Protein backbone atom coordinates (compact mmCIF):
# COMPACT_ATOMS: atom_id res chain seq x y z
CA MET A 1 2.46 -61.07 -19.28
CA PHE A 2 -0.70 -60.44 -21.25
CA SER A 3 -2.96 -63.47 -21.76
CA ASN A 4 -6.43 -63.28 -23.22
CA GLY A 5 -6.59 -59.50 -22.31
CA ARG A 6 -5.10 -59.93 -18.90
CA ILE A 7 -1.47 -59.49 -17.53
CA SER A 8 0.09 -61.75 -15.09
CA VAL A 9 3.47 -61.19 -13.46
CA ALA A 10 6.29 -63.01 -15.20
CA LEU A 11 9.71 -62.26 -13.63
CA GLY A 12 13.01 -64.15 -13.80
CA VAL A 13 11.91 -66.34 -16.67
CA GLY A 14 14.48 -67.14 -19.27
CA ILE A 15 13.87 -66.87 -22.93
CA ALA A 16 13.15 -70.37 -24.29
CA THR A 17 13.73 -69.45 -27.93
CA LEU A 18 14.75 -66.41 -29.95
CA GLY A 19 13.70 -67.53 -33.34
CA PHE A 20 10.34 -66.19 -34.36
CA ALA A 21 8.59 -66.92 -37.60
CA ALA A 22 6.58 -63.73 -37.39
CA SER A 23 9.70 -61.76 -37.30
CA ALA A 24 11.76 -63.38 -40.05
CA SER A 25 13.51 -60.05 -40.92
CA ALA A 26 16.82 -59.42 -39.23
CA ALA A 27 19.29 -56.70 -38.78
CA SER A 28 22.87 -56.28 -37.39
CA PHE A 29 23.65 -53.54 -34.92
CA SER A 30 27.10 -52.43 -33.73
CA GLY A 31 27.71 -50.38 -30.64
CA VAL A 32 28.45 -50.16 -27.00
CA VAL A 33 26.34 -51.89 -24.27
CA VAL A 34 25.16 -49.04 -22.04
CA HIS A 35 22.29 -50.57 -20.06
CA LYS A 36 20.70 -53.73 -18.74
CA GLU A 37 17.06 -54.16 -17.76
CA ALA A 38 16.59 -57.39 -15.74
CA ARG A 39 12.79 -57.41 -15.63
CA ALA A 40 12.65 -57.24 -19.47
CA HIS A 41 15.42 -59.71 -19.91
CA SER A 42 17.17 -57.20 -22.21
CA PHE A 43 20.26 -55.14 -22.74
CA VAL A 44 20.64 -51.85 -24.71
CA ILE A 45 23.39 -50.80 -27.10
CA ALA A 46 24.17 -47.34 -28.28
CA LEU A 47 24.86 -47.07 -31.95
CA ARG A 48 26.97 -44.39 -33.59
CA GLY A 49 25.39 -41.09 -32.83
CA GLY A 50 23.74 -42.49 -29.74
CA GLY A 51 20.71 -44.29 -31.10
CA LEU A 52 19.49 -46.94 -28.67
CA ARG A 53 18.49 -50.53 -29.40
CA ALA A 54 16.86 -52.81 -26.78
CA ILE A 55 17.82 -56.33 -27.38
CA HIS A 56 16.03 -59.23 -25.51
CA ALA A 57 18.53 -62.08 -24.74
CA ARG A 58 19.03 -64.93 -22.32
CA ARG A 59 22.28 -63.41 -21.01
CA SER A 60 23.59 -59.93 -21.37
CA PRO A 61 27.11 -58.81 -22.23
CA ALA A 62 29.03 -56.56 -19.73
CA LEU A 63 28.44 -52.85 -19.70
CA GLY A 64 30.86 -50.98 -21.88
CA THR A 65 31.39 -54.03 -24.16
CA ARG A 66 31.56 -53.19 -27.91
CA VAL A 67 29.43 -55.73 -29.74
CA THR A 68 27.87 -56.59 -32.99
CA VAL A 69 24.35 -58.09 -32.64
CA ASP A 70 22.38 -60.04 -35.22
CA ALA A 71 18.82 -59.62 -34.18
CA SER A 72 15.21 -60.12 -35.31
CA ALA A 73 12.50 -57.43 -35.12
CA LEU A 74 9.73 -58.08 -32.48
CA ARG A 75 6.24 -56.78 -32.86
CA ASN A 76 6.52 -54.26 -30.16
CA GLY A 77 9.65 -52.53 -31.77
CA THR A 78 12.26 -54.19 -29.64
CA TRP A 79 14.64 -56.84 -30.88
CA ALA A 80 15.55 -60.58 -30.07
CA MET A 81 19.20 -61.40 -30.17
CA GLN A 82 20.24 -64.36 -32.41
CA ARG A 83 24.00 -63.90 -32.44
CA LEU A 84 26.45 -61.59 -30.56
CA THR A 85 30.09 -60.94 -31.39
CA ARG A 86 32.37 -58.93 -29.18
CA SER A 87 34.69 -56.56 -30.90
CA GLY A 88 37.27 -54.11 -29.70
CA SER A 89 38.12 -52.97 -26.13
CA ALA A 90 35.66 -51.90 -23.52
CA ASN A 91 34.43 -48.42 -23.61
CA THR A 92 33.19 -46.22 -20.68
CA ARG A 93 32.69 -43.03 -22.68
CA VAL A 94 29.38 -43.24 -24.45
CA ARG A 95 26.79 -41.23 -26.45
CA VAL A 96 23.08 -41.88 -26.03
CA ARG A 97 20.19 -40.32 -27.83
CA GLY A 98 16.48 -40.25 -27.19
CA THR A 99 13.49 -38.28 -25.71
CA VAL A 100 13.49 -36.75 -22.27
CA THR A 101 10.55 -38.21 -20.36
CA TYR A 102 11.36 -37.21 -16.76
CA VAL A 103 13.47 -34.38 -15.21
CA ASN A 104 14.32 -33.92 -11.52
CA SER A 105 16.24 -30.64 -11.42
CA ARG A 106 16.75 -30.67 -7.68
CA GLN A 107 18.56 -34.07 -7.75
CA GLY A 108 20.22 -33.40 -11.15
CA LEU A 109 18.54 -36.38 -12.80
CA PHE A 110 16.64 -36.98 -16.08
CA VAL A 111 15.56 -39.90 -18.17
CA VAL A 112 16.23 -40.51 -21.83
CA SER A 113 13.73 -42.84 -23.48
CA ALA A 114 13.64 -44.72 -26.80
CA ARG A 115 11.81 -47.96 -27.79
CA GLY A 116 12.29 -50.50 -25.04
CA VAL A 117 14.54 -48.40 -22.79
CA SER A 118 14.06 -45.45 -20.26
CA LEU A 119 17.58 -44.73 -19.17
CA LEU A 120 18.52 -42.69 -16.16
CA VAL A 121 21.06 -39.82 -16.66
CA HIS A 122 22.98 -38.07 -13.86
CA ASP A 123 23.54 -34.37 -15.07
CA ARG A 124 27.07 -33.70 -13.89
CA ARG A 125 26.99 -30.47 -15.80
CA ALA A 126 24.81 -29.02 -13.07
CA ARG A 127 27.51 -29.68 -10.49
CA LEU A 128 30.12 -28.09 -12.69
CA ARG A 129 28.22 -24.84 -13.31
CA GLY A 130 26.32 -24.77 -9.86
CA ALA A 131 22.88 -24.49 -11.67
CA HIS A 132 19.74 -26.68 -11.70
CA ILE A 133 18.59 -28.38 -14.85
CA ALA A 134 15.36 -26.39 -14.57
CA ALA A 135 17.36 -23.40 -15.85
CA ASP A 136 18.51 -25.34 -18.83
CA THR A 137 16.07 -25.50 -21.72
CA THR A 138 18.13 -28.20 -23.38
CA VAL A 139 16.62 -30.79 -21.00
CA SER A 140 12.84 -30.75 -20.79
CA ASP A 141 9.99 -33.20 -21.06
CA GLY A 142 9.49 -34.18 -24.69
CA GLY A 143 12.82 -32.80 -25.88
CA VAL A 144 15.04 -34.95 -28.02
CA VAL A 145 18.67 -34.89 -26.71
CA THR A 146 22.11 -36.32 -27.47
CA VAL A 147 24.01 -37.02 -24.30
CA ASP A 148 27.82 -37.40 -24.14
CA GLY A 149 29.06 -38.94 -20.88
CA SER A 150 30.44 -41.94 -19.18
CA LEU A 151 28.89 -45.25 -17.85
CA ALA A 152 27.85 -45.12 -14.17
CA GLY A 153 26.51 -48.70 -13.58
CA ASP A 154 23.25 -48.98 -15.39
CA SER A 155 22.93 -45.19 -15.78
CA ILE A 156 24.93 -42.39 -17.51
CA ASP A 157 26.91 -39.42 -16.15
CA ALA A 158 26.32 -36.62 -18.50
CA ILE A 159 29.19 -34.37 -19.52
CA ASP A 160 27.52 -32.60 -22.36
CA VAL A 161 23.86 -32.49 -23.65
CA GLN A 162 22.78 -31.32 -27.08
CA SER A 163 19.20 -30.39 -27.89
CA ASP A 164 17.80 -31.93 -31.13
CA GLY A 165 14.29 -30.51 -31.06
CA GLN A 166 10.98 -31.92 -29.82
CA ASP A 167 9.48 -35.36 -30.15
CA VAL A 168 6.18 -34.63 -31.81
CA ASN A 169 5.23 -38.32 -32.24
CA GLY A 170 4.03 -40.76 -29.54
CA ILE A 171 6.71 -40.90 -26.85
CA ASP A 172 8.21 -44.24 -25.81
CA LEU A 173 8.14 -45.18 -22.10
CA GLU A 174 9.72 -48.44 -20.80
CA ALA A 175 8.65 -48.79 -17.12
CA THR A 176 7.67 -51.04 -14.39
CA VAL A 177 4.08 -50.77 -12.97
CA GLN A 178 4.12 -49.57 -9.34
CA ALA A 179 0.48 -49.16 -8.77
CA VAL A 180 -2.92 -49.50 -10.66
CA ASP A 181 -5.81 -47.16 -9.79
CA THR A 182 -8.86 -48.62 -11.52
CA ALA A 183 -11.19 -45.77 -10.25
CA ALA A 184 -8.95 -42.96 -11.50
CA ARG A 185 -7.93 -45.06 -14.46
CA THR A 186 -4.22 -44.34 -13.94
CA LEU A 187 -1.01 -46.31 -13.81
CA THR A 188 1.81 -45.23 -11.57
CA VAL A 189 5.01 -46.48 -13.23
CA SER A 190 8.78 -46.17 -12.61
CA ALA A 191 10.30 -42.99 -14.11
CA ASP A 192 13.21 -45.12 -15.44
CA ASP A 193 12.92 -48.77 -16.47
CA SER A 194 15.13 -50.10 -13.65
CA GLY A 195 13.62 -47.84 -11.01
CA GLU A 196 17.02 -46.50 -10.03
CA SER A 197 15.69 -42.91 -9.67
CA GLY A 198 13.18 -44.01 -7.06
CA SER A 199 10.69 -41.62 -8.86
CA THR A 200 7.40 -42.34 -10.71
CA LEU A 201 5.21 -41.09 -13.52
CA VAL A 202 1.40 -41.15 -13.72
CA VAL A 203 -0.08 -42.46 -17.04
CA ASP A 204 -3.73 -41.86 -17.77
CA VAL A 205 -5.47 -44.91 -19.28
CA PRO A 206 -8.31 -44.14 -21.74
CA ALA A 207 -11.56 -46.03 -21.44
CA SER A 208 -10.71 -47.89 -24.61
CA PHE A 209 -8.08 -49.87 -22.66
CA ASP A 210 -8.75 -52.73 -20.23
CA ILE A 211 -7.22 -51.26 -17.17
CA GLY A 212 -7.83 -54.46 -15.28
CA ALA A 213 -5.19 -56.11 -17.49
CA PHE A 214 -2.29 -54.36 -15.61
CA SER A 215 -0.65 -55.67 -12.52
CA ASP A 216 2.07 -54.41 -10.20
CA GLY A 217 5.55 -55.40 -11.21
CA GLU A 218 4.95 -55.61 -15.01
CA SER A 219 7.60 -54.43 -17.37
CA LEU A 220 5.81 -52.51 -20.10
CA GLU A 221 6.73 -50.76 -23.34
CA MET A 222 4.28 -47.85 -23.76
CA VAL A 223 3.65 -45.15 -26.37
CA ALA A 224 2.18 -42.16 -24.74
CA SER A 225 1.45 -38.48 -25.28
CA PRO A 226 2.46 -35.75 -22.62
CA ASN A 227 -0.23 -33.90 -20.91
CA GLY A 228 1.91 -30.92 -20.18
CA ASP A 229 1.98 -31.33 -16.55
CA GLY A 230 4.40 -34.17 -16.16
CA THR A 231 1.69 -36.88 -16.73
CA TYR A 232 1.08 -38.92 -19.86
CA THR A 233 -1.86 -40.34 -21.60
CA LEU A 234 -1.51 -44.02 -22.87
CA GLU A 235 -1.76 -44.75 -26.59
CA GLN A 236 -0.18 -48.11 -27.07
CA VAL A 237 1.20 -50.72 -24.53
CA SER A 238 2.71 -54.15 -24.76
CA ASP A 239 4.20 -56.57 -22.22
CA ASP A 240 7.95 -56.27 -22.48
CA GLY A 241 8.85 -58.96 -19.90
CA GLY A 242 10.80 -60.98 -22.52
CA ALA A 243 11.16 -61.58 -26.23
CA GLN A 244 8.23 -63.98 -26.47
CA THR A 245 5.66 -61.53 -24.88
CA ALA A 246 7.21 -58.68 -26.88
CA ASN A 247 6.54 -60.54 -30.07
CA ASN A 248 2.96 -61.67 -29.22
CA PRO A 249 0.21 -59.64 -30.86
CA GLY A 250 -2.12 -60.83 -28.12
CA ASP A 251 -0.03 -59.00 -25.58
CA ASN A 252 -0.81 -55.47 -26.97
CA GLN A 253 -3.48 -52.84 -26.27
CA GLY A 254 -4.08 -49.74 -28.23
CA ASP A 255 -4.27 -50.92 -31.78
CA GLY A 256 -7.75 -50.06 -32.91
CA HIS A 257 -8.62 -48.78 -29.36
CA GLY A 258 -7.92 -45.07 -29.44
CA ASP A 259 -4.42 -45.57 -30.79
CA GLN A 260 -3.12 -42.43 -32.43
CA HIS A 261 0.31 -43.63 -33.72
CA ALA A 262 0.54 -46.96 -35.60
CA SER A 263 3.75 -48.75 -34.69
CA ALA A 264 6.64 -48.93 -37.15
CA ALA A 265 6.09 -52.57 -37.56
CA GLN A 266 2.37 -52.09 -38.44
CA VAL A 267 3.18 -49.34 -40.92
CA CYS A 268 5.82 -51.58 -42.63
CA GLU A 269 3.72 -54.69 -42.59
CA THR A 270 0.90 -52.80 -44.21
CA ALA A 271 3.23 -51.36 -46.86
CA GLN A 272 4.66 -54.79 -47.51
CA SER A 273 1.22 -56.24 -48.25
CA ASP A 274 0.14 -53.19 -50.34
CA PRO A 275 -0.43 -54.30 -53.96
CA ASN A 276 -0.02 -50.71 -55.10
CA PHE A 277 3.33 -50.13 -53.30
CA ALA A 278 5.32 -50.03 -56.56
CA ALA A 279 2.96 -47.62 -58.22
CA THR A 280 3.79 -45.11 -55.52
CA HIS A 281 7.47 -45.83 -55.09
CA ASN A 282 8.95 -45.37 -58.65
CA ASN A 283 7.92 -48.75 -59.74
CA GLU A 284 9.99 -50.46 -57.08
CA SER A 285 8.79 -53.32 -55.02
CA PHE A 286 8.81 -53.26 -51.23
CA VAL A 287 12.06 -55.28 -51.21
CA GLN A 288 13.71 -53.12 -53.91
CA PHE A 289 12.81 -49.90 -52.07
CA TRP A 290 13.86 -50.86 -48.64
CA GLU A 291 16.78 -53.37 -49.10
CA THR A 292 20.06 -51.50 -50.08
CA ASP A 293 21.80 -54.90 -50.40
CA PRO A 294 20.11 -56.99 -53.10
CA ASN A 295 21.82 -60.11 -51.75
CA ASN A 296 19.78 -59.86 -48.50
CA PRO A 297 16.15 -59.53 -49.72
CA ASN A 298 14.78 -60.95 -46.42
CA ASN A 299 15.86 -57.97 -44.50
CA ALA A 300 13.66 -55.38 -46.23
CA LEU A 301 11.00 -55.41 -43.49
CA GLY A 302 13.61 -54.98 -40.78
CA MET A 303 15.09 -51.95 -42.60
CA CYS A 304 11.63 -50.49 -43.02
CA ILE A 305 10.86 -50.89 -39.29
CA ASP A 306 14.19 -49.28 -38.41
CA ALA A 307 13.72 -46.34 -40.69
CA MET A 308 10.04 -45.70 -39.77
CA ALA A 309 10.46 -46.15 -35.99
CA HIS A 310 10.58 -42.38 -35.44
CA GLY A 311 10.00 -40.85 -38.83
CA THR A 312 7.27 -40.32 -41.36
CA ALA A 313 7.12 -39.47 -45.09
CA ALA A 314 6.23 -35.92 -44.11
CA SER A 315 8.96 -35.77 -41.41
CA PRO A 316 11.53 -38.27 -42.47
CA SER A 317 14.32 -39.72 -40.54
CA PRO A 318 17.79 -39.56 -42.13
CA GLU A 319 17.50 -43.14 -43.09
CA LEU A 320 14.02 -42.75 -44.58
CA ALA A 321 15.13 -39.61 -46.42
CA CYS A 322 17.97 -41.55 -48.07
CA HIS A 323 15.59 -44.37 -49.07
CA LEU A 324 13.47 -41.69 -50.77
CA GLU A 325 16.39 -40.14 -52.52
CA ALA A 326 17.70 -43.53 -53.66
CA SER A 327 14.40 -44.32 -55.36
CA ASP A 328 13.91 -40.82 -56.85
CA PRO A 329 14.10 -41.01 -60.62
CA SER A 330 14.94 -37.31 -60.87
CA PHE A 331 17.85 -37.59 -58.42
CA ALA A 332 20.58 -37.36 -61.08
CA ALA A 333 19.03 -34.40 -62.72
CA ALA A 334 18.99 -32.49 -59.47
CA HIS A 335 22.56 -33.67 -58.68
CA SER A 336 24.57 -32.58 -61.82
CA GLY A 337 24.02 -35.91 -63.48
CA ALA A 338 25.39 -37.97 -60.54
CA THR A 339 23.50 -41.06 -59.44
CA PHE A 340 22.67 -41.64 -55.79
CA ALA A 341 25.76 -43.80 -55.43
CA GLN A 342 28.06 -41.46 -57.36
CA PHE A 343 26.98 -38.52 -55.32
CA TYR A 344 27.30 -40.07 -51.92
CA ASN A 345 30.18 -42.56 -52.52
CA PRO A 346 32.35 -41.10 -55.41
CA GLN A 347 35.30 -43.27 -54.30
CA ASP A 348 33.36 -46.49 -54.94
CA PRO A 349 29.97 -45.90 -56.62
CA SER A 350 29.41 -49.54 -57.28
CA ASN A 351 28.96 -49.88 -53.41
CA LEU A 352 25.38 -48.92 -52.79
CA ASN A 353 25.41 -50.01 -49.27
CA ASP A 354 28.30 -47.68 -48.44
CA ALA A 355 26.64 -44.78 -50.34
CA PHE A 356 23.57 -45.31 -48.27
CA GLY A 357 25.47 -45.11 -45.04
CA GLN A 358 27.20 -41.96 -46.19
CA CYS A 359 23.85 -40.43 -47.08
CA VAL A 360 22.43 -41.20 -43.71
CA ASN A 361 25.47 -39.65 -41.97
CA ALA A 362 25.10 -36.51 -44.08
CA LYS A 363 21.41 -36.16 -43.38
CA ALA A 364 21.98 -36.74 -39.59
CA GLN A 365 24.69 -34.08 -39.49
CA GLN A 366 22.36 -31.65 -41.29
CA GLN A 367 19.69 -32.29 -38.69
CA ASP A 368 22.24 -31.94 -35.92
CA GLY A 369 23.42 -28.60 -37.35
CA GLY A 370 26.61 -30.06 -38.81
CA SER A 371 27.72 -31.86 -35.56
CA SER A 372 30.01 -34.94 -35.90
CA ASP A 373 30.49 -38.08 -34.03
CA SER A 374 33.43 -40.20 -33.21
CA GLN A 375 32.11 -42.67 -30.80
CA ASN A 376 31.44 -45.92 -32.76
CA SER A 377 32.47 -47.03 -36.20
CA GLY A 378 29.56 -47.96 -38.47
CA SER A 379 26.57 -46.62 -40.15
CA HIS A 380 23.00 -45.63 -40.01
CA ASP A 381 20.70 -45.55 -36.97
CA SER A 382 17.14 -44.26 -36.36
CA THR A 383 15.93 -43.33 -32.97
CA GLY A 384 14.39 -40.45 -31.11
CA GLY A 385 11.56 -38.17 -32.13
CA SER A 386 10.01 -37.39 -35.36
CA GLY A 387 9.52 -34.03 -37.05
CA SER A 388 11.98 -31.75 -38.67
CA ASP A 389 14.28 -32.08 -35.72
CA SER A 390 14.04 -35.88 -35.53
CA SER A 391 16.74 -37.47 -33.40
CA THR A 392 17.93 -39.86 -36.08
CA THR A 393 21.52 -40.12 -37.00
CA GLY A 394 24.19 -42.35 -38.45
CA GLY A 395 27.54 -42.56 -39.94
CA SER A 396 29.46 -44.08 -42.77
CA GLY A 397 29.84 -47.81 -42.94
CA SER A 398 27.29 -50.22 -41.63
CA ASP A 399 25.87 -49.91 -38.09
CA VAL A 400 22.55 -51.29 -39.31
CA SER A 401 23.45 -54.02 -41.76
CA THR A 402 21.66 -57.05 -43.01
CA SER A 403 21.94 -60.41 -41.60
CA SER A 404 20.38 -63.88 -41.86
CA GLY A 405 20.32 -63.94 -38.06
CA SER A 406 19.88 -67.69 -37.97
CA ASP A 407 22.40 -68.42 -35.19
CA SER A 408 21.32 -69.22 -31.70
CA GLY A 409 21.49 -66.67 -28.89
CA HIS A 410 24.75 -66.13 -26.93
């Protein structure tokens, strides 16, 4: 882990505590466990629509388990589990969504990445049609995809892949360092976080980073930009070897050192402390704008982080777009006199939470070209790339709901 600008290997260390004062905000995610990453002491759940959440925990539930996780947001964009509830029967058919960061057409493999996870996918479609992935423009580096398939250990067997545009923001890479070349200023890292593919990626390290801080075997969460030749250039990096290092600001490089993309946590923390926030948000405070449930004001920061993870005001995620609509004073005038809640939840306009979930689902389906999803029950989710083809999605109900998150880890 990083320490005073250095990284030292920290493997097989349990998480001592999952309660962090710096990440008091919490959220609740419901989905299916699709992946485990031993080096990061984390597991990954797929929300409705396929959005991926990396959750640091002492122990991980079994693959395919349907769970609801109360978690606190960590500084590097991953989450620390505080409570887990198993719900429903095991599920082997899954949907995952993220950015393609590696393609091996000869072997029929590609990797889908989101914050805290780079997940290996076996493209079974290639076997069915006798064609290489290279001939399929759906799967290409930097492309945002939705993959329907089945669990195959810690990887996914793809049955169908849908293109959702390009990731135009910094791309997330979760990887283990395989080699450090201080002369060439490059990192060789695993193409997928668990190293199952046996393949590697090369990441160029700008002069503004301390390349001597990296060591073989480290689990890293990186934000990088593609170079167009299969390599990447580092923009941000944090130690992701556990919840404690993921939450330690001293374990980061990139902020103020050539970083092009501020993290969602930085954006939201800045907005939270902005004294002029209300003036630019229809006279609503940070809490009023971000928290759809007035009974849970402490979750505003978590909701902001989730919505801003892969969207911007110029290219909003479905969740961010709905926050903007909900605070728009001219919404009713543009919607035949109906308020936000009346428009999106006419059956129960008093339930703003449900209206918000319905809005996110509608926006996601618009971005997906009207596609629907029947995997998990629940509501909104933000993942994937930004831009007009952002890979954010959701559904009605509450896949991302508020929680005090005060219980101990499971």
